[in-house]
Amino acid sequence: IIKKIPTSGQLMLKRNQPTIIALIGPTGVGKTTTIAKLATNFTLFGKLKVALITADTYRVAAVEQLKTFAKIINIPLEVVYNPEEIPKFIEEFQDMNLIFIDTAGRSQKNKEQIEELKKYLDYGKPDETHLVLSATTKSADNIDVVKKFSITPINRLIFTKLDETDYYGSIFNILQQLPKKISYFTNGQNVPEDIGLADPNFLVDYLIGETHV
């Protein structure tokens, strides 16, 4: 089972220019909280220079949430209202190590929303795009999300809300059907604690019932 769980390991940083990481996914999976966890960890513990760009202007709470975290850890944040604005801010952040792009949650059933998301990524040109999925969503729906969101190149998967379910087989099922690697697991709302690099042994312990969140 361990051999059938592909993981990506740490983010690969570029020399002399920022690495751009975009998080995408359906509504309610915890993208904004996940970005806050990543940004905080890389800033406080990784000692890296991190900047945030958010395109999630559909939810006022999402912008305010990121603004709060950015202020606490003293990192820059820019809000974009259309895709064409992204390159300007990326240019401003050229002295950073990491730039995280937060995007609005989109329904995989809404083709127009997915096309709009693609425009943001086309302008942002992320080095890695991480699709955020909830461990509480059934396999068939998550597989449908991956397929519909694949209109944009997806490099990694992040699974959230491992603390909200006792059934982890759906994660394993998805990995057997789709050739994607997992980058991170999250298991709670606490920032920055409740996140970790995806570890096959960790997931297998969940699957066979030897680990509880």
Protein backbone atom coordinates (compact mmCIF):
# COMPACT_ATOMS: atom_id res chain seq x y z
CA ILE A 1 0.00 0.00 0.00
CA ILE A 2 2.81 2.40 0.88
CA LYS A 3 4.36 1.92 -2.56
CA LYS A 4 1.06 2.92 -4.18
CA ILE A 5 0.87 6.32 -2.45
CA PRO A 6 2.90 8.88 -4.47
CA THR A 7 4.04 11.97 -2.60
CA SER A 8 5.97 15.01 -3.81
CA GLY A 9 8.15 15.98 -0.87
CA GLN A 10 9.19 19.58 -0.17
CA LEU A 11 8.54 22.50 -2.49
CA MET A 12 11.40 23.05 -4.90
CA LEU A 13 12.68 26.62 -4.69
CA LYS A 14 14.25 28.40 -7.65
CA ARG A 15 17.45 30.42 -7.51
CA ASN A 16 17.39 34.19 -7.98
CA GLN A 17 13.64 34.38 -8.56
CA PRO A 18 10.50 33.49 -6.62
CA THR A 19 8.76 30.13 -6.81
CA ILE A 20 5.07 30.71 -7.53
CA ILE A 21 2.58 28.32 -5.94
CA ALA A 22 -1.15 28.48 -6.72
CA LEU A 23 -3.86 26.74 -4.74
CA ILE A 24 -7.12 25.90 -6.49
CA GLY A 25 -10.15 23.80 -5.63
CA PRO A 26 -13.88 23.66 -4.97
CA THR A 27 -15.63 25.74 -2.35
CA GLY A 28 -15.28 24.91 1.32
CA VAL A 29 -12.18 22.72 1.20
CA GLY A 30 -9.97 25.12 3.15
CA LYS A 31 -7.70 26.70 0.52
CA THR A 32 -7.30 30.01 2.32
CA THR A 33 -6.53 28.43 5.69
CA THR A 34 -4.06 26.08 3.99
CA ILE A 35 -2.26 28.99 2.34
CA ALA A 36 -2.09 30.76 5.71
CA LYS A 37 -0.52 27.64 7.25
CA LEU A 38 2.03 27.29 4.46
CA ALA A 39 2.95 30.97 4.42
CA THR A 40 3.34 31.06 8.20
CA ASN A 41 5.49 27.93 8.32
CA PHE A 42 7.79 29.00 5.51
CA THR A 43 8.13 32.48 7.01
CA LEU A 44 8.61 31.66 10.69
CA PHE A 45 10.36 28.29 10.50
CA GLY A 46 11.78 28.21 6.98
CA LYS A 47 13.07 31.79 7.29
CA LEU A 48 12.00 32.49 3.71
CA LYS A 49 10.67 35.69 2.19
CA VAL A 50 7.03 35.00 1.35
CA ALA A 51 4.36 37.10 -0.39
CA LEU A 52 0.65 36.47 -0.88
CA ILE A 53 -1.66 37.27 -3.78
CA THR A 54 -5.36 36.57 -3.38
CA ALA A 55 -7.90 36.43 -6.17
CA ASP A 56 -10.65 35.23 -3.84
CA THR A 57 -12.62 38.46 -3.90
CA TYR A 58 -15.93 36.60 -3.97
CA ARG A 59 -15.70 36.08 -0.22
CA VAL A 60 -14.89 39.15 1.85
CA ALA A 61 -14.02 36.88 4.76
CA ALA A 62 -11.30 35.16 2.72
CA VAL A 63 -9.52 38.43 1.99
CA GLU A 64 -9.80 39.59 5.59
CA GLN A 65 -8.54 36.24 6.85
CA LEU A 66 -5.39 36.44 4.73
CA LYS A 67 -4.90 40.12 5.60
CA THR A 68 -4.94 39.20 9.28
CA PHE A 69 -2.36 36.44 8.88
CA ALA A 70 -0.19 38.61 6.63
CA LYS A 71 -0.20 41.37 9.22
CA ILE A 72 0.62 39.00 12.08
CA ILE A 73 3.64 37.49 10.37
CA ASN A 74 4.56 40.72 8.58
CA ILE A 75 4.47 39.62 4.93
CA PRO A 76 3.09 41.53 1.92
CA LEU A 77 -0.36 40.77 0.50
CA GLU A 78 -1.98 42.03 -2.68
CA VAL A 79 -5.60 41.58 -3.75
CA VAL A 80 -6.35 41.16 -7.47
CA TYR A 81 -9.77 41.72 -9.04
CA ASN A 82 -8.97 40.56 -12.56
CA PRO A 83 -6.36 38.20 -14.06
CA GLU A 84 -4.48 40.97 -15.84
CA GLU A 85 -3.34 42.43 -12.50
CA ILE A 86 -1.36 39.36 -11.41
CA PRO A 87 1.84 39.89 -13.49
CA LYS A 88 2.26 43.39 -12.05
CA PHE A 89 2.32 42.11 -8.48
CA ILE A 90 4.53 39.15 -9.35
CA GLU A 91 7.01 41.66 -10.76
CA GLU A 92 6.83 43.64 -7.51
CA PHE A 93 7.62 40.48 -5.53
CA GLN A 94 10.73 39.46 -7.47
CA ASP A 95 12.87 39.67 -4.33
CA MET A 96 10.77 37.01 -2.59
CA ASN A 97 11.51 33.30 -2.26
CA LEU A 98 7.88 32.21 -2.46
CA ILE A 99 4.69 33.73 -3.84
CA PHE A 100 1.42 32.01 -2.94
CA ILE A 101 -1.67 32.68 -5.08
CA ASP A 102 -5.03 32.04 -3.43
CA THR A 103 -8.01 31.57 -5.74
CA ALA A 104 -11.75 31.56 -5.27
CA GLY A 105 -13.49 28.23 -4.74
CA ARG A 106 -15.11 26.95 -7.90
CA SER A 107 -17.73 24.28 -8.58
CA GLN A 108 -16.46 21.61 -10.95
CA LYS A 109 -19.97 21.63 -12.46
CA ASN A 110 -19.66 25.28 -13.54
CA LYS A 111 -17.63 25.38 -16.75
CA GLU A 112 -17.66 29.18 -16.88
CA GLN A 113 -16.12 29.44 -13.40
CA ILE A 114 -13.42 26.92 -14.28
CA GLU A 115 -12.60 28.88 -17.45
CA GLU A 116 -12.29 32.05 -15.37
CA LEU A 117 -9.96 30.27 -12.96
CA LYS A 118 -7.82 29.17 -15.88
CA LYS A 119 -7.38 32.82 -16.93
CA TYR A 120 -5.97 33.69 -13.50
CA LEU A 121 -3.50 30.83 -13.74
CA ASP A 122 -2.57 31.71 -17.31
CA TYR A 123 -1.56 35.18 -16.13
CA GLY A 124 0.02 33.96 -12.87
CA LYS A 125 2.08 31.22 -14.55
CA PRO A 126 2.60 29.27 -11.30
CA ASP A 127 5.52 26.86 -11.04
CA GLU A 128 3.23 24.48 -9.16
CA THR A 129 -0.55 24.29 -8.98
CA HIS A 130 -1.90 22.39 -5.98
CA LEU A 131 -5.51 21.19 -6.12
CA VAL A 132 -7.03 21.17 -2.64
CA LEU A 133 -9.49 18.36 -1.89
CA SER A 134 -11.38 17.47 1.27
CA ALA A 135 -10.91 14.02 2.79
CA THR A 136 -14.59 14.15 3.77
CA THR A 137 -15.76 14.21 0.14
CA LYS A 138 -16.60 10.86 -1.43
CA SER A 139 -14.20 9.39 -3.98
CA ALA A 140 -16.40 9.79 -7.03
CA ASP A 141 -16.93 13.50 -6.39
CA ASN A 142 -13.23 14.17 -5.75
CA ILE A 143 -12.29 12.30 -8.91
CA ASP A 144 -14.80 14.42 -10.81
CA VAL A 145 -13.24 17.56 -9.30
CA VAL A 146 -9.75 16.52 -10.43
CA LYS A 147 -10.94 15.75 -13.95
CA LYS A 148 -12.90 19.00 -14.36
CA PHE A 149 -10.14 21.17 -12.83
CA SER A 150 -7.57 19.54 -15.10
CA ILE A 151 -8.38 22.19 -17.71
CA THR A 152 -5.46 23.78 -15.82
CA PRO A 153 -2.22 21.85 -15.24
CA ILE A 154 -2.40 20.26 -11.76
CA ASN A 155 0.98 19.33 -10.28
CA ARG A 156 0.00 18.27 -6.77
CA LEU A 157 -2.92 17.35 -4.53
CA ILE A 158 -3.50 18.59 -0.98
CA PHE A 159 -5.97 16.73 1.21
CA THR A 160 -7.62 18.68 4.02
CA LYS A 161 -9.95 17.85 6.93
CA LEU A 162 -8.42 14.53 7.87
CA ASP A 163 -9.65 15.32 11.39
CA GLU A 164 -13.28 15.38 10.21
CA THR A 165 -13.58 11.78 9.03
CA ASP A 166 -12.75 8.23 10.11
CA TYR A 167 -12.69 6.92 6.54
CA TYR A 168 -9.52 7.51 4.51
CA GLY A 169 -9.91 4.93 1.77
CA SER A 170 -11.23 7.56 -0.62
CA ILE A 171 -7.78 9.23 -0.67
CA PHE A 172 -6.15 5.94 -1.61
CA ASN A 173 -8.82 5.24 -4.26
CA ILE A 174 -8.21 8.60 -5.95
CA LEU A 175 -4.47 7.98 -6.15
CA GLN A 176 -5.03 4.64 -7.87
CA GLN A 177 -7.18 6.22 -10.58
CA LEU A 178 -5.33 9.48 -11.18
CA PRO A 179 -1.57 9.95 -11.69
CA LYS A 180 -1.11 12.73 -9.13
CA LYS A 181 1.24 13.18 -6.17
CA ILE A 182 0.14 14.44 -2.76
CA SER A 183 2.06 17.37 -1.30
CA TYR A 184 0.37 18.04 2.07
CA PHE A 185 -2.21 16.77 4.54
CA THR A 186 -4.07 19.08 6.91
CA ASN A 187 -5.92 17.92 9.99
CA GLY A 188 -7.43 20.92 11.75
CA GLN A 189 -7.97 24.66 11.77
CA ASN A 190 -4.97 25.68 13.87
CA VAL A 191 -2.44 27.89 12.07
CA PRO A 192 0.33 26.99 11.50
CA GLU A 193 0.29 23.64 13.31
CA ASP A 194 -2.29 21.50 11.55
CA ILE A 195 -0.43 20.74 8.32
CA GLY A 196 2.35 18.37 7.31
CA LEU A 197 4.14 17.00 4.30
CA ALA A 198 2.25 14.06 2.84
CA ASP A 199 3.77 10.82 4.14
CA PRO A 200 2.69 7.40 2.78
CA ASN A 201 3.33 5.76 6.17
CA PHE A 202 1.11 8.32 7.86
CA LEU A 203 -1.78 7.61 5.48
CA VAL A 204 -1.39 3.84 5.80
CA ASP A 205 -1.56 4.16 9.58
CA TYR A 206 -4.87 5.94 9.12
CA LEU A 207 -6.11 3.33 6.67
CA ILE A 208 -5.43 0.37 8.95
CA GLY A 209 -6.70 2.20 12.03
CA GLU A 210 -3.46 2.58 13.97
CA THR A 211 -3.54 6.37 14.01
CA HIS A 212 -6.22 8.78 15.19
CA VAL A 213 -6.12 12.51 14.57
